[in-house]
Full PDB file with SEQRES, HELIX, SHEET, SSBOND, CRYST1, ORIGX, SCALE, CONECT and MASTER records, all heavy atoms in Angstrom:
SEQRES   1 A   33  ILE SER GLY ASP PRO ALA ILE ASP THR PHE VAL LYS ASP          
SEQRES   2 A   33  ILE GLU LYS LEU THR ARG PHE GLU PRO GLU ALA LEU ARG          
SEQRES   3 A   33  VAL SER ALA THR VAL ARG LYS                                  
HELIX    1 AA1 PRO A    5  LEU A   17  1                                  13    
HELIX    2 AA2 PRO A   22  VAL A   27  1                                   6    
HELIX    3 AA3 ALA A   29  ARG A   32  1                                   4    
CRYST1    1.000    1.000    1.000  90.00  90.00  90.00 P 1           1          
ORIGX1      1.000000  0.000000  0.000000        0.00000                         
ORIGX2      0.000000  1.000000  0.000000        0.00000                         
ORIGX3      0.000000  0.000000  1.000000        0.00000                         
SCALE1      1.000000  0.000000  0.000000        0.00000                         
SCALE2      0.000000  1.000000  0.000000        0.00000                         
SCALE3      0.000000  0.000000  1.000000        0.00000                         
ATOM      1  N   ILE A   1     158.852 165.691  75.333  1.00  0.00           N  
ATOM      2  CA  ILE A   1     160.053 166.074  74.578  1.00  0.00           C  
ATOM      3  C   ILE A   1     160.957 167.081  75.324  1.00  0.00           C  
ATOM      4  O   ILE A   1     162.124 167.143  75.033  1.00  0.00           O  
ATOM      5  CB  ILE A   1     159.719 166.564  73.147  1.00  0.00           C  
ATOM      6  CG1 ILE A   1     158.710 167.764  73.246  1.00  0.00           C  
ATOM      7  CG2 ILE A   1     159.149 165.459  72.363  1.00  0.00           C  
ATOM      8  CD1 ILE A   1     158.420 168.411  71.934  1.00  0.00           C  
ATOM      9  N   SER A   2     160.342 167.789  76.236  1.00  0.00           N  
ATOM     10  CA  SER A   2     161.181 168.775  76.966  1.00  0.00           C  
ATOM     11  C   SER A   2     161.870 168.170  78.209  1.00  0.00           C  
ATOM     12  O   SER A   2     162.666 168.823  78.877  1.00  0.00           O  
ATOM     13  CB  SER A   2     160.234 169.922  77.450  1.00  0.00           C  
ATOM     14  OG  SER A   2     159.342 169.453  78.448  1.00  0.00           O  
ATOM     15  N   GLY A   3     161.567 166.877  78.483  1.00  0.00           N  
ATOM     16  CA  GLY A   3     162.188 166.236  79.660  1.00  0.00           C  
ATOM     17  C   GLY A   3     161.717 166.710  80.942  1.00  0.00           C  
ATOM     18  O   GLY A   3     162.443 166.750  81.952  1.00  0.00           O  
ATOM     19  N   ASP A   4     160.450 167.212  81.029  1.00  0.00           N  
ATOM     20  CA  ASP A   4     159.901 167.835  82.229  1.00  0.00           C  
ATOM     21  C   ASP A   4     159.749 166.732  83.345  1.00  0.00           C  
ATOM     22  O   ASP A   4     159.011 165.721  83.121  1.00  0.00           O  
ATOM     23  CB  ASP A   4     158.522 168.391  81.851  1.00  0.00           C  
ATOM     24  CG  ASP A   4     157.908 169.210  83.022  1.00  0.00           C  
ATOM     25  OD1 ASP A   4     158.259 168.910  84.193  1.00  0.00           O  
ATOM     26  OD2 ASP A   4     157.103 170.082  82.733  1.00  0.00           O  
ATOM     27  N   PRO A   5     160.431 166.884  84.436  1.00  0.00           N  
ATOM     28  CA  PRO A   5     160.340 165.904  85.554  1.00  0.00           C  
ATOM     29  C   PRO A   5     158.936 165.734  86.065  1.00  0.00           C  
ATOM     30  O   PRO A   5     158.572 164.690  86.588  1.00  0.00           O  
ATOM     31  CB  PRO A   5     161.297 166.377  86.575  1.00  0.00           C  
ATOM     32  CG  PRO A   5     161.637 167.783  86.255  1.00  0.00           C  
ATOM     33  CD  PRO A   5     161.357 167.995  84.810  1.00  0.00           C  
ATOM     34  N   ALA A   6     158.104 166.844  86.023  1.00  0.00           N  
ATOM     35  CA  ALA A   6     156.731 166.720  86.493  1.00  0.00           C  
ATOM     36  C   ALA A   6     155.918 165.750  85.701  1.00  0.00           C  
ATOM     37  O   ALA A   6     155.060 165.039  86.245  1.00  0.00           O  
ATOM     38  CB  ALA A   6     156.107 168.144  86.496  1.00  0.00           C  
ATOM     39  N   ILE A   7     156.220 165.669  84.349  1.00  0.00           N  
ATOM     40  CA  ILE A   7     155.536 164.674  83.527  1.00  0.00           C  
ATOM     41  C   ILE A   7     155.954 163.281  83.883  1.00  0.00           C  
ATOM     42  O   ILE A   7     155.099 162.363  83.941  1.00  0.00           O  
ATOM     43  CB  ILE A   7     155.704 165.032  82.030  1.00  0.00           C  
ATOM     44  CG1 ILE A   7     154.985 166.308  81.676  1.00  0.00           C  
ATOM     45  CG2 ILE A   7     155.191 163.852  81.159  1.00  0.00           C  
ATOM     46  CD1 ILE A   7     155.185 166.819  80.297  1.00  0.00           C  
ATOM     47  N   ASP A   8     157.282 163.083  84.142  1.00  0.00           N  
ATOM     48  CA  ASP A   8     157.724 161.785  84.536  1.00  0.00           C  
ATOM     49  C   ASP A   8     157.047 161.321  85.826  1.00  0.00           C  
ATOM     50  O   ASP A   8     156.710 160.172  86.003  1.00  0.00           O  
ATOM     51  CB  ASP A   8     159.259 161.786  84.753  1.00  0.00           C  
ATOM     52  CG  ASP A   8     160.022 161.992  83.439  1.00  0.00           C  
ATOM     53  OD1 ASP A   8     159.429 161.667  82.337  1.00  0.00           O  
ATOM     54  OD2 ASP A   8     161.156 162.475  83.434  1.00  0.00           O  
ATOM     55  N   THR A   9     156.922 162.262  86.804  1.00  0.00           N  
ATOM     56  CA  THR A   9     156.219 161.960  88.034  1.00  0.00           C  
ATOM     57  C   THR A   9     154.768 161.588  87.774  1.00  0.00           C  
ATOM     58  O   THR A   9     154.248 160.585  88.334  1.00  0.00           O  
ATOM     59  CB  THR A   9     156.356 163.112  88.981  1.00  0.00           C  
ATOM     60  OG1 THR A   9     157.707 163.365  89.288  1.00  0.00           O  
ATOM     61  CG2 THR A   9     155.638 162.826  90.324  1.00  0.00           C  
ATOM     62  N   PHE A  10     154.142 162.365  86.904  1.00  0.00           N  
ATOM     63  CA  PHE A  10     152.736 162.111  86.583  1.00  0.00           C  
ATOM     64  C   PHE A  10     152.590 160.747  85.967  1.00  0.00           C  
ATOM     65  O   PHE A  10     151.669 159.953  86.335  1.00  0.00           O  
ATOM     66  CB  PHE A  10     152.251 163.169  85.599  1.00  0.00           C  
ATOM     67  CG  PHE A  10     150.906 162.855  84.944  1.00  0.00           C  
ATOM     68  CD1 PHE A  10     149.764 162.863  85.685  1.00  0.00           C  
ATOM     69  CD2 PHE A  10     150.825 162.537  83.630  1.00  0.00           C  
ATOM     70  CE1 PHE A  10     148.521 162.584  85.098  1.00  0.00           C  
ATOM     71  CE2 PHE A  10     149.625 162.216  83.015  1.00  0.00           C  
ATOM     72  CZ  PHE A  10     148.466 162.272  83.788  1.00  0.00           C  
ATOM     73  N   VAL A  11     153.484 160.305  85.078  1.00  0.00           N  
ATOM     74  CA  VAL A  11     153.429 159.006  84.435  1.00  0.00           C  
ATOM     75  C   VAL A  11     153.533 157.849  85.496  1.00  0.00           C  
ATOM     76  O   VAL A  11     152.771 156.948  85.535  1.00  0.00           O  
ATOM     77  CB  VAL A  11     154.530 158.824  83.401  1.00  0.00           C  
ATOM     78  CG1 VAL A  11     154.634 157.359  82.941  1.00  0.00           C  
ATOM     79  CG2 VAL A  11     154.249 159.770  82.230  1.00  0.00           C  
ATOM     80  N   LYS A  12     154.478 158.047  86.488  1.00  0.00           N  
ATOM     81  CA  LYS A  12     154.572 157.062  87.533  1.00  0.00           C  
ATOM     82  C   LYS A  12     153.360 157.037  88.370  1.00  0.00           C  
ATOM     83  O   LYS A  12     152.932 155.889  88.782  1.00  0.00           O  
ATOM     84  CB  LYS A  12     155.859 157.398  88.342  1.00  0.00           C  
ATOM     85  CG  LYS A  12     157.108 157.123  87.637  1.00  0.00           C  
ATOM     86  CD  LYS A  12     158.354 157.558  88.476  1.00  0.00           C  
ATOM     87  CE  LYS A  12     159.584 157.331  87.609  1.00  0.00           C  
ATOM     88  NZ  LYS A  12     160.681 158.080  88.040  1.00  0.00           N  
ATOM     89  N   ASP A  13     152.783 158.172  88.673  1.00  0.00           N  
ATOM     90  CA  ASP A  13     151.599 158.174  89.457  1.00  0.00           C  
ATOM     91  C   ASP A  13     150.402 157.479  88.761  1.00  0.00           C  
ATOM     92  O   ASP A  13     149.630 156.756  89.396  1.00  0.00           O  
ATOM     93  CB  ASP A  13     151.199 159.613  89.822  1.00  0.00           C  
ATOM     94  CG  ASP A  13     152.199 160.248  90.838  1.00  0.00           C  
ATOM     95  OD1 ASP A  13     152.940 159.511  91.458  1.00  0.00           O  
ATOM     96  OD2 ASP A  13     152.172 161.509  90.899  1.00  0.00           O  
ATOM     97  N   ILE A  14     150.261 157.729  87.472  1.00  0.00           N  
ATOM     98  CA  ILE A  14     149.109 157.106  86.815  1.00  0.00           C  
ATOM     99  C   ILE A  14     149.363 155.624  86.609  1.00  0.00           C  
ATOM    100  O   ILE A  14     148.397 154.816  86.569  1.00  0.00           O  
ATOM    101  CB  ILE A  14     148.706 157.765  85.459  1.00  0.00           C  
ATOM    102  CG1 ILE A  14     149.799 157.795  84.453  1.00  0.00           C  
ATOM    103  CG2 ILE A  14     148.169 159.156  85.758  1.00  0.00           C  
ATOM    104  CD1 ILE A  14     149.409 158.344  83.082  1.00  0.00           C  
ATOM    105  N   GLU A  15     150.615 155.201  86.454  1.00  0.00           N  
ATOM    106  CA  GLU A  15     150.935 153.780  86.408  1.00  0.00           C  
ATOM    107  C   GLU A  15     150.455 153.055  87.685  1.00  0.00           C  
ATOM    108  O   GLU A  15     149.913 151.995  87.685  1.00  0.00           O  
ATOM    109  CB  GLU A  15     152.398 153.541  86.205  1.00  0.00           C  
ATOM    110  CG  GLU A  15     152.792 153.772  84.778  1.00  0.00           C  
ATOM    111  CD  GLU A  15     154.328 153.711  84.534  1.00  0.00           C  
ATOM    112  OE1 GLU A  15     155.080 153.808  85.579  1.00  0.00           O  
ATOM    113  OE2 GLU A  15     154.731 153.560  83.399  1.00  0.00           O  
ATOM    114  N   LYS A  16     150.633 153.774  88.851  1.00  0.00           N  
ATOM    115  CA  LYS A  16     150.222 153.197  90.118  1.00  0.00           C  
ATOM    116  C   LYS A  16     148.679 153.018  90.125  1.00  0.00           C  
ATOM    117  O   LYS A  16     148.235 152.075  90.841  1.00  0.00           O  
ATOM    118  CB  LYS A  16     150.643 154.091  91.276  1.00  0.00           C  
ATOM    119  CG  LYS A  16     152.036 154.133  91.517  1.00  0.00           C  
ATOM    120  CD  LYS A  16     152.422 155.051  92.705  1.00  0.00           C  
ATOM    121  CE  LYS A  16     153.845 155.417  92.744  1.00  0.00           C  
ATOM    122  NZ  LYS A  16     154.123 156.443  93.669  1.00  0.00           N  
ATOM    123  N   LEU A  17     147.949 153.826  89.453  1.00  0.00           N  
ATOM    124  CA  LEU A  17     146.463 153.668  89.415  1.00  0.00           C  
ATOM    125  C   LEU A  17     146.041 152.397  88.716  1.00  0.00           C  
ATOM    126  O   LEU A  17     144.911 151.942  88.930  1.00  0.00           O  
ATOM    127  CB  LEU A  17     145.825 154.893  88.726  1.00  0.00           C  
ATOM    128  CG  LEU A  17     146.124 156.227  89.386  1.00  0.00           C  
ATOM    129  CD1 LEU A  17     145.491 157.355  88.554  1.00  0.00           C  
ATOM    130  CD2 LEU A  17     145.515 156.301  90.780  1.00  0.00           C  
ATOM    131  N   THR A  18     146.910 151.789  87.920  1.00  0.00           N  
ATOM    132  CA  THR A  18     146.526 150.587  87.199  1.00  0.00           C  
ATOM    133  C   THR A  18     147.119 149.361  87.782  1.00  0.00           C  
ATOM    134  O   THR A  18     147.232 148.310  87.146  1.00  0.00           O  
ATOM    135  CB  THR A  18     146.947 150.696  85.716  1.00  0.00           C  
ATOM    136  OG1 THR A  18     148.356 150.798  85.637  1.00  0.00           O  
ATOM    137  CG2 THR A  18     146.329 151.921  85.040  1.00  0.00           C  
ATOM    138  N   ARG A  19     147.532 149.416  89.066  1.00  0.00           N  
ATOM    139  CA  ARG A  19     148.136 148.286  89.743  1.00  0.00           C  
ATOM    140  C   ARG A  19     147.182 147.143  90.005  1.00  0.00           C  
ATOM    141  O   ARG A  19     147.605 145.993  90.255  1.00  0.00           O  
ATOM    142  CB  ARG A  19     148.912 148.693  90.936  1.00  0.00           C  
ATOM    143  CG  ARG A  19     147.985 149.144  92.086  1.00  0.00           C  
ATOM    144  CD  ARG A  19     148.856 149.751  93.213  1.00  0.00           C  
ATOM    145  NE  ARG A  19     148.043 150.194  94.347  1.00  0.00           N  
ATOM    146  CZ  ARG A  19     147.496 151.382  94.444  1.00  0.00           C  
ATOM    147  NH1 ARG A  19     147.557 152.225  93.454  1.00  0.00           N  
ATOM    148  NH2 ARG A  19     146.806 151.698  95.494  1.00  0.00           N  
ATOM    149  N   PHE A  20     145.887 147.398  89.936  1.00  0.00           N  
ATOM    150  CA  PHE A  20     144.891 146.348  90.189  1.00  0.00           C  
ATOM    151  C   PHE A  20     144.195 145.978  88.909  1.00  0.00           C  
ATOM    152  O   PHE A  20     143.920 146.880  88.086  1.00  0.00           O  
ATOM    153  CB  PHE A  20     143.835 146.868  91.237  1.00  0.00           C  
ATOM    154  CG  PHE A  20     144.436 147.136  92.588  1.00  0.00           C  
ATOM    155  CD1 PHE A  20     144.701 148.375  93.026  1.00  0.00           C  
ATOM    156  CD2 PHE A  20     144.745 146.059  93.416  1.00  0.00           C  
ATOM    157  CE1 PHE A  20     145.232 148.642  94.248  1.00  0.00           C  
ATOM    158  CE2 PHE A  20     145.311 146.295  94.652  1.00  0.00           C  
ATOM    159  CZ  PHE A  20     145.551 147.559  95.105  1.00  0.00           C  
ATOM    160  N   GLU A  21     143.834 144.750  88.745  1.00  0.00           N  
ATOM    161  CA  GLU A  21     143.040 144.291  87.654  1.00  0.00           C  
ATOM    162  C   GLU A  21     141.624 144.853  87.755  1.00  0.00           C  
ATOM    163  O   GLU A  21     141.134 145.060  88.894  1.00  0.00           O  
ATOM    164  CB  GLU A  21     143.028 142.746  87.614  1.00  0.00           C  
ATOM    165  CG  GLU A  21     144.396 142.189  87.275  1.00  0.00           C  
ATOM    166  CD  GLU A  21     144.901 142.561  85.899  1.00  0.00           C  
ATOM    167  OE1 GLU A  21     144.093 142.612  84.969  1.00  0.00           O  
ATOM    168  OE2 GLU A  21     146.115 142.790  85.796  1.00  0.00           O  
ATOM    169  N   PRO A  22     140.931 145.044  86.675  1.00  0.00           N  
ATOM    170  CA  PRO A  22     139.551 145.503  86.728  1.00  0.00           C  
ATOM    171  C   PRO A  22     138.648 144.686  87.674  1.00  0.00           C  
ATOM    172  O   PRO A  22     137.835 145.234  88.410  1.00  0.00           O  
ATOM    173  CB  PRO A  22     139.061 145.451  85.279  1.00  0.00           C  
ATOM    174  CG  PRO A  22     140.342 145.588  84.461  1.00  0.00           C  
ATOM    175  CD  PRO A  22     141.384 144.930  85.294  1.00  0.00           C  
ATOM    176  N   GLU A  23     138.848 143.411  87.647  1.00  0.00           N  
ATOM    177  CA  GLU A  23     137.987 142.485  88.504  1.00  0.00           C  
ATOM    178  C   GLU A  23     138.168 142.807  89.970  1.00  0.00           C  
ATOM    179  O   GLU A  23     137.208 142.836  90.792  1.00  0.00           O  
ATOM    180  CB  GLU A  23     138.253 141.080  88.219  1.00  0.00           C  
ATOM    181  CG  GLU A  23     137.261 140.085  88.829  1.00  0.00           C  
ATOM    182  CD  GLU A  23     135.813 140.329  88.387  1.00  0.00           C  
ATOM    183  OE1 GLU A  23     135.581 140.809  87.284  1.00  0.00           O  
ATOM    184  OE2 GLU A  23     134.931 140.022  89.149  1.00  0.00           O  
ATOM    185  N   ALA A  24     139.394 143.169  90.361  1.00  0.00           N  
ATOM    186  CA  ALA A  24     139.653 143.458  91.803  1.00  0.00           C  
ATOM    187  C   ALA A  24     138.906 144.736  92.158  1.00  0.00           C  
ATOM    188  O   ALA A  24     138.383 144.899  93.235  1.00  0.00           O  
ATOM    189  CB  ALA A  24     141.150 143.662  92.047  1.00  0.00           C  
ATOM    190  N   LEU A  25     138.797 145.685  91.214  1.00  0.00           N  
ATOM    191  CA  LEU A  25     138.131 146.911  91.481  1.00  0.00           C  
ATOM    192  C   LEU A  25     136.567 146.688  91.563  1.00  0.00           C  
ATOM    193  O   LEU A  25     135.896 147.335  92.335  1.00  0.00           O  
ATOM    194  CB  LEU A  25     138.360 147.967  90.393  1.00  0.00           C  
ATOM    195  CG  LEU A  25     139.824 148.504  90.364  1.00  0.00           C  
ATOM    196  CD1 LEU A  25     140.104 149.172  89.025  1.00  0.00           C  
ATOM    197  CD2 LEU A  25     140.058 149.439  91.476  1.00  0.00           C  
ATOM    198  N   ARG A  26     136.112 145.717  90.763  1.00  0.00           N  
ATOM    199  CA  ARG A  26     134.676 145.411  90.803  1.00  0.00           C  
ATOM    200  C   ARG A  26     134.278 144.804  92.127  1.00  0.00           C  
ATOM    201  O   ARG A  26     133.188 145.100  92.612  1.00  0.00           O  
ATOM    202  CB  ARG A  26     134.350 144.447  89.660  1.00  0.00           C  
ATOM    203  CG  ARG A  26     134.261 145.087  88.341  1.00  0.00           C  
ATOM    204  CD  ARG A  26     133.653 144.142  87.277  1.00  0.00           C  
ATOM    205  NE  ARG A  26     133.829 144.673  86.000  1.00  0.00           N  
ATOM    206  CZ  ARG A  26     134.886 144.387  85.223  1.00  0.00           C  
ATOM    207  NH1 ARG A  26     135.807 143.535  85.573  1.00  0.00           N  
ATOM    208  NH2 ARG A  26     135.010 144.981  84.015  1.00  0.00           N  
ATOM    209  N   VAL A  27     135.090 143.932  92.658  1.00  0.00           N  
ATOM    210  CA  VAL A  27     134.670 143.095  93.808  1.00  0.00           C  
ATOM    211  C   VAL A  27     135.101 143.748  95.141  1.00  0.00           C  
ATOM    212  O   VAL A  27     134.541 143.299  96.160  1.00  0.00           O  
ATOM    213  CB  VAL A  27     135.174 141.637  93.696  1.00  0.00           C  
ATOM    214  CG1 VAL A  27     134.648 140.959  92.483  1.00  0.00           C  
ATOM    215  CG2 VAL A  27     136.677 141.528  93.762  1.00  0.00           C  
ATOM    216  N   SER A  28     135.969 144.667  95.173  1.00  0.00           N  
ATOM    217  CA  SER A  28     136.446 145.183  96.429  1.00  0.00           C  
ATOM    218  C   SER A  28     136.211 146.655  96.607  1.00  0.00           C  
ATOM    219  O   SER A  28     136.827 147.511  95.908  1.00  0.00           O  
ATOM    220  CB  SER A  28     137.922 144.923  96.638  1.00  0.00           C  
ATOM    221  OG  SER A  28     138.408 145.535  97.802  1.00  0.00           O  
ATOM    222  N   ALA A  29     135.298 147.064  97.482  1.00  0.00           N  
ATOM    223  CA  ALA A  29     135.066 148.494  97.804  1.00  0.00           C  
ATOM    224  C   ALA A  29     136.276 149.108  98.290  1.00  0.00           C  
ATOM    225  O   ALA A  29     136.525 150.288  97.988  1.00  0.00           O  
ATOM    226  CB  ALA A  29     133.886 148.595  98.706  1.00  0.00           C  
ATOM    227  N   THR A  30     137.122 148.413  99.097  1.00  0.00           N  
ATOM    228  CA  THR A  30     138.308 148.985  99.665  1.00  0.00           C  
ATOM    229  C   THR A  30     139.344 149.358  98.514  1.00  0.00           C  
ATOM    230  O   THR A  30     139.916 150.421  98.557  1.00  0.00           O  
ATOM    231  CB  THR A  30     138.926 147.968 100.654  1.00  0.00           C  
ATOM    232  OG1 THR A  30     137.960 147.745 101.667  1.00  0.00           O  
ATOM    233  CG2 THR A  30     140.188 148.542 101.254  1.00  0.00           C  
ATOM    234  N   VAL A  31     139.492 148.412  97.599  1.00  0.00           N  
ATOM    235  CA  VAL A  31     140.451 148.643  96.500  1.00  0.00           C  
ATOM    236  C   VAL A  31     139.906 149.848  95.681  1.00  0.00           C  
ATOM    237  O   VAL A  31     140.715 150.746  95.340  1.00  0.00           O  
ATOM    238  CB  VAL A  31     140.586 147.409  95.615  1.00  0.00           C  
ATOM    239  CG1 VAL A  31     141.323 147.701  94.328  1.00  0.00           C  
ATOM    240  CG2 VAL A  31     141.305 146.333  96.375  1.00  0.00           C  
ATOM    241  N   ARG A  32     138.600 149.894  95.394  1.00  0.00           N  
ATOM    242  CA  ARG A  32     138.054 151.010  94.613  1.00  0.00           C  
ATOM    243  C   ARG A  32     138.328 152.374  95.336  1.00  0.00           C  
ATOM    244  O   ARG A  32     138.741 153.345  94.733  1.00  0.00           O  
ATOM    245  CB  ARG A  32     136.556 150.813  94.375  1.00  0.00           C  
ATOM    246  CG  ARG A  32     136.148 149.883  93.266  1.00  0.00           C  
ATOM    247  CD  ARG A  32     134.726 150.002  92.907  1.00  0.00           C  
ATOM    248  NE  ARG A  32     133.803 149.897  93.980  1.00  0.00           N  
ATOM    249  CZ  ARG A  32     133.328 148.817  94.456  1.00  0.00           C  
ATOM    250  NH1 ARG A  32     133.704 147.592  93.937  1.00  0.00           N  
ATOM    251  NH2 ARG A  32     132.455 148.799  95.508  1.00  0.00           N  
ATOM    252  N   LYS A  33     138.097 152.339  96.606  1.00  0.00           N  
ATOM    253  CA  LYS A  33     138.220 153.618  97.392  1.00  0.00           C  
ATOM    254  C   LYS A  33     139.741 153.984  97.396  1.00  0.00           C  
ATOM    255  O   LYS A  33     140.028 155.194  97.241  1.00  0.00           O  
ATOM    256  CB  LYS A  33     137.813 153.328  98.848  1.00  0.00           C  
ATOM    257  CG  LYS A  33     137.878 154.576  99.694  1.00  0.00           C  
ATOM    258  CD  LYS A  33     137.432 154.371 101.149  1.00  0.00           C  
ATOM    259  CE  LYS A  33     137.684 155.601 101.911  1.00  0.00           C  
ATOM    260  NZ  LYS A  33     137.876 155.347 103.304  1.00  0.00           N  
TER     261      LYS A  33                                                      
MASTER        0    0    0    3    0    0    0    6  260    1    0    3          
END                                                                             
């Protein structure tokens, strides 16, 4: 609600963490790393 740009950056960063499907994380050690 304060429009903090650090929170906006945090949101974009955590969205990047979900770019792979769970199955890709299960089968690929490289993706997990």
